[in-house]
Amino acid sequence: MVGSKRSAGTAVEATGSRRRAELLAIAAELFARRGFVVTTVREIADAAGILSGSLYHHFDSKESMVDEILREFLGYQQELYAEVLREDLDPRATITELVRRSFQAMDRYRSAVTIYQNEAMYLAQFDRFAYLRRAGNDFERTWTKVLQQGQQDGVFRDDLHVKIAYRFIRDTVWTTVHWYNPRGRLNAQVIADQHVALLCEGIMAQRG
């Protein structure tokens, strides 16, 4: 009897977790498409086919929803970057993998990336979302450290301005989310490879 009660409880928890994930996915799509500020709890509930009151059984506010959406994406992104650094590759290979892992995250968390791009500066002014600024600083330190190491090793140009290079790579990679179509002809891997080629080889044809 005890085992049956535990099984039933586990099933209920699993169902609740799935429903919670479904609601977060719906909210993420609306926040990405319409904007966090203008999207209301009622609109999220309507899109989910439930009453607003039912949504509050899972989340106490839309701030809680966007908080969970962004934390999940950023945690995943940070772990991907950590994996690359643990591989201890040469600077060029590290930069290549950082670009590819960024697109991997974008492919999985497209709505969350869009929210981060559009709303991070607004949300970061509130104490609850102070981690957004810290995450951005952590990402910058990761990239600039690799770029600086590449300069020291003679892999990257001596006259490379590391901060400008980082911002160029950051903006080139992450703003792709505004036009990337996961169902289009170009998948995330192909786009990542093109970015790597442009960053490392430029657009000029090789001669001789």
Protein backbone atom coordinates (compact mmCIF):
# COMPACT_ATOMS: atom_id res chain seq x y z
CA MET A 1 0.00 0.00 0.00
CA VAL A 2 2.83 2.38 0.88
CA GLY A 3 4.53 1.60 -2.43
CA SER A 4 1.31 2.35 -4.32
CA LYS A 5 0.96 5.72 -2.60
CA ARG A 6 4.54 6.61 -3.47
CA SER A 7 4.02 5.60 -7.11
CA ALA A 8 0.87 7.69 -7.31
CA GLY A 9 2.66 10.65 -5.76
CA THR A 10 5.54 10.32 -8.20
CA ALA A 11 3.13 10.20 -11.14
CA VAL A 12 1.37 13.34 -9.95
CA GLU A 13 4.71 15.14 -9.54
CA ALA A 14 5.80 14.08 -13.03
CA THR A 15 2.53 15.32 -14.52
CA GLY A 16 2.88 18.59 -12.64
CA SER A 17 6.46 19.02 -13.85
CA ARG A 18 5.42 18.40 -17.47
CA ARG A 19 2.57 20.89 -17.20
CA ARG A 20 4.89 23.43 -15.60
CA ALA A 21 7.37 22.99 -18.46
CA GLU A 22 4.56 23.40 -21.00
CA LEU A 23 3.44 26.65 -19.37
CA LEU A 24 7.01 27.97 -19.31
CA ALA A 25 7.39 27.16 -23.02
CA ILE A 26 4.19 29.06 -23.81
CA ALA A 27 5.26 32.03 -21.70
CA ALA A 28 8.74 32.04 -23.26
CA GLU A 29 7.28 32.18 -26.75
CA LEU A 30 4.99 35.08 -25.82
CA PHE A 31 7.74 36.99 -24.00
CA ALA A 32 10.04 36.53 -27.00
CA ARG A 33 7.43 37.50 -29.58
CA ARG A 34 5.52 40.27 -27.80
CA GLY A 35 7.91 41.45 -25.09
CA PHE A 36 7.97 40.73 -21.37
CA VAL A 37 6.46 44.02 -20.21
CA VAL A 38 3.38 43.99 -22.43
CA THR A 39 2.61 40.27 -22.07
CA THR A 40 0.06 39.68 -19.31
CA VAL A 41 -0.61 36.67 -17.12
CA ARG A 42 -4.05 36.46 -18.66
CA GLU A 43 -2.57 36.23 -22.17
CA ILE A 44 -0.30 33.40 -21.05
CA ALA A 45 -3.23 31.60 -19.45
CA ASP A 46 -5.39 32.10 -22.57
CA ALA A 47 -2.63 30.69 -24.77
CA ALA A 48 -2.40 27.70 -22.43
CA GLY A 49 -6.17 27.21 -22.46
CA ILE A 50 -6.57 27.75 -18.71
CA LEU A 51 -7.88 30.42 -16.36
CA SER A 52 -5.48 32.98 -14.91
CA GLY A 53 -6.19 31.60 -11.45
CA SER A 54 -5.06 28.16 -12.56
CA LEU A 55 -1.75 29.59 -13.75
CA TYR A 56 -1.14 30.94 -10.26
CA HIS A 57 -1.19 27.36 -8.96
CA HIS A 58 2.15 26.92 -10.74
CA PHE A 59 3.71 30.42 -10.65
CA ASP A 60 3.11 33.42 -8.42
CA SER A 61 3.86 35.97 -11.16
CA LYS A 62 5.14 36.40 -14.69
CA GLU A 63 8.41 37.58 -13.12
CA SER A 64 8.80 34.11 -11.62
CA MET A 65 8.20 32.61 -15.04
CA VAL A 66 10.78 34.70 -16.88
CA ASP A 67 13.20 34.18 -13.99
CA GLU A 68 12.98 30.40 -14.39
CA ILE A 69 13.21 30.62 -18.20
CA LEU A 70 16.38 32.73 -18.08
CA ARG A 71 18.05 30.78 -15.27
CA GLU A 72 17.61 27.50 -17.13
CA PHE A 73 19.09 28.91 -20.35
CA LEU A 74 22.01 30.64 -18.61
CA GLY A 75 22.82 27.57 -16.54
CA TYR A 76 22.91 25.46 -19.68
CA GLN A 77 25.07 28.00 -21.52
CA GLN A 78 27.52 28.28 -18.63
CA GLU A 79 27.90 24.52 -18.47
CA LEU A 80 28.54 24.32 -22.22
CA TYR A 81 31.29 26.92 -21.93
CA ALA A 82 32.76 25.13 -18.91
CA GLU A 83 32.89 21.91 -20.93
CA VAL A 84 34.86 23.66 -23.67
CA LEU A 85 37.36 25.11 -21.20
CA ARG A 86 37.85 21.71 -19.56
CA GLU A 87 38.89 20.29 -22.94
CA ASP A 88 42.00 22.53 -22.79
CA LEU A 89 42.15 23.11 -26.55
CA ASP A 90 44.36 25.59 -28.36
CA PRO A 91 42.92 29.17 -28.58
CA ARG A 92 41.57 28.87 -32.12
CA ALA A 93 39.88 25.53 -31.40
CA THR A 94 38.48 26.96 -28.16
CA ILE A 95 36.99 29.98 -29.94
CA THR A 96 35.54 27.65 -32.57
CA GLU A 97 33.90 25.47 -29.93
CA LEU A 98 32.58 28.44 -27.98
CA VAL A 99 30.84 29.65 -31.13
CA ARG A 100 29.42 26.21 -31.84
CA ARG A 101 28.20 25.71 -28.28
CA SER A 102 26.56 29.13 -28.38
CA PHE A 103 24.54 28.05 -31.39
CA GLN A 104 23.77 24.77 -29.68
CA ALA A 105 22.23 26.72 -26.80
CA MET A 106 20.41 29.01 -29.22
CA ASP A 107 18.91 26.04 -31.03
CA ARG A 108 17.62 24.59 -27.75
CA TYR A 109 16.58 27.83 -26.03
CA ARG A 110 15.67 30.12 -28.91
CA SER A 111 12.91 31.96 -27.05
CA ALA A 112 15.04 32.36 -23.92
CA VAL A 113 17.92 33.77 -25.98
CA THR A 114 15.54 36.27 -27.59
CA ILE A 115 14.25 37.30 -24.15
CA TYR A 116 17.80 37.69 -22.88
CA GLN A 117 18.73 39.82 -25.89
CA ASN A 118 15.66 42.04 -25.63
CA GLU A 119 14.99 42.24 -21.91
CA ALA A 120 18.23 41.69 -19.96
CA MET A 121 19.06 45.40 -19.57
CA TYR A 122 15.52 46.16 -18.35
CA LEU A 123 15.29 43.21 -15.97
CA ALA A 124 18.82 43.62 -14.56
CA GLN A 125 17.80 46.86 -12.84
CA PHE A 126 15.76 44.78 -10.37
CA ASP A 127 17.52 42.97 -7.51
CA ARG A 128 15.87 39.68 -8.40
CA PHE A 129 17.59 39.69 -11.79
CA ALA A 130 21.00 40.95 -10.72
CA TYR A 131 22.42 37.61 -11.85
CA LEU A 132 21.87 38.66 -15.47
CA ARG A 133 24.63 41.24 -15.23
CA ARG A 134 26.90 38.73 -13.48
CA ALA A 135 26.24 36.16 -16.19
CA GLY A 136 27.09 38.68 -18.89
CA ASN A 137 30.33 39.55 -17.12
CA ASP A 138 31.21 35.86 -16.74
CA PHE A 139 30.67 35.26 -20.44
CA GLU A 140 32.85 38.26 -21.31
CA ARG A 141 35.65 37.02 -19.04
CA THR A 142 35.52 33.59 -20.68
CA TRP A 143 35.85 34.96 -24.20
CA THR A 144 38.42 37.67 -23.46
CA LYS A 145 40.64 35.24 -21.58
CA VAL A 146 40.75 32.94 -24.62
CA LEU A 147 41.39 35.87 -26.96
CA GLN A 148 44.21 37.15 -24.77
CA GLN A 149 45.75 33.69 -24.57
CA GLY A 150 45.59 33.47 -28.36
CA GLN A 151 47.48 36.75 -28.63
CA GLN A 152 50.14 35.56 -26.22
CA ASP A 153 50.55 32.31 -28.18
CA GLY A 154 50.83 34.19 -31.47
CA VAL A 155 47.63 32.63 -32.82
CA PHE A 156 45.67 35.90 -32.94
CA ARG A 157 46.88 39.27 -34.22
CA ASP A 158 48.97 41.45 -31.91
CA ASP A 159 46.90 44.51 -32.79
CA LEU A 160 43.61 42.80 -31.94
CA HIS A 161 41.59 44.90 -29.51
CA VAL A 162 40.27 42.14 -27.27
CA LYS A 163 37.18 43.95 -25.95
CA ILE A 164 36.11 45.04 -29.42
CA ALA A 165 36.75 41.53 -30.74
CA TYR A 166 34.63 40.05 -27.96
CA ARG A 167 31.75 42.44 -28.55
CA PHE A 168 31.91 41.82 -32.29
CA ILE A 169 31.75 38.05 -31.77
CA ARG A 170 29.04 38.36 -29.11
CA ASP A 171 26.80 40.56 -31.25
CA THR A 172 27.45 38.62 -34.44
CA VAL A 173 26.57 35.31 -32.80
CA TRP A 174 23.68 36.15 -30.51
CA THR A 175 21.74 38.57 -32.73
CA THR A 176 21.40 35.65 -35.15
CA VAL A 177 18.47 34.58 -32.99
CA HIS A 178 16.37 37.34 -34.62
CA TRP A 179 16.49 35.67 -38.03
CA TYR A 180 17.48 32.06 -37.31
CA ASN A 181 14.71 29.63 -38.25
CA PRO A 182 15.20 26.17 -36.67
CA ARG A 183 12.97 24.71 -39.39
CA GLY A 184 14.81 26.46 -42.21
CA ARG A 185 17.32 25.02 -44.67
CA LEU A 186 20.29 26.18 -42.62
CA ASN A 187 20.56 24.39 -39.30
CA ALA A 188 22.43 25.72 -36.26
CA GLN A 189 25.57 23.72 -37.06
CA VAL A 190 25.84 25.09 -40.60
CA ILE A 191 25.35 28.66 -39.38
CA ALA A 192 27.92 28.13 -36.61
CA ASP A 193 30.47 26.82 -39.11
CA GLN A 194 29.93 29.86 -41.35
CA HIS A 195 30.46 32.17 -38.39
CA VAL A 196 33.67 30.38 -37.50
CA ALA A 197 34.91 30.63 -41.09
CA LEU A 198 34.14 34.35 -41.25
CA LEU A 199 35.73 35.05 -37.89
CA CYS A 200 38.88 33.07 -38.58
CA GLU A 201 39.33 33.46 -42.33
CA GLY A 202 37.44 36.64 -43.23
CA ILE A 203 35.62 37.13 -46.53
CA MET A 204 38.58 37.59 -48.86
CA ALA A 205 39.41 34.82 -51.32
CA GLN A 206 42.79 33.23 -50.68
CA ARG A 207 45.29 33.80 -53.48
CA GLY A 208 48.23 31.81 -54.62
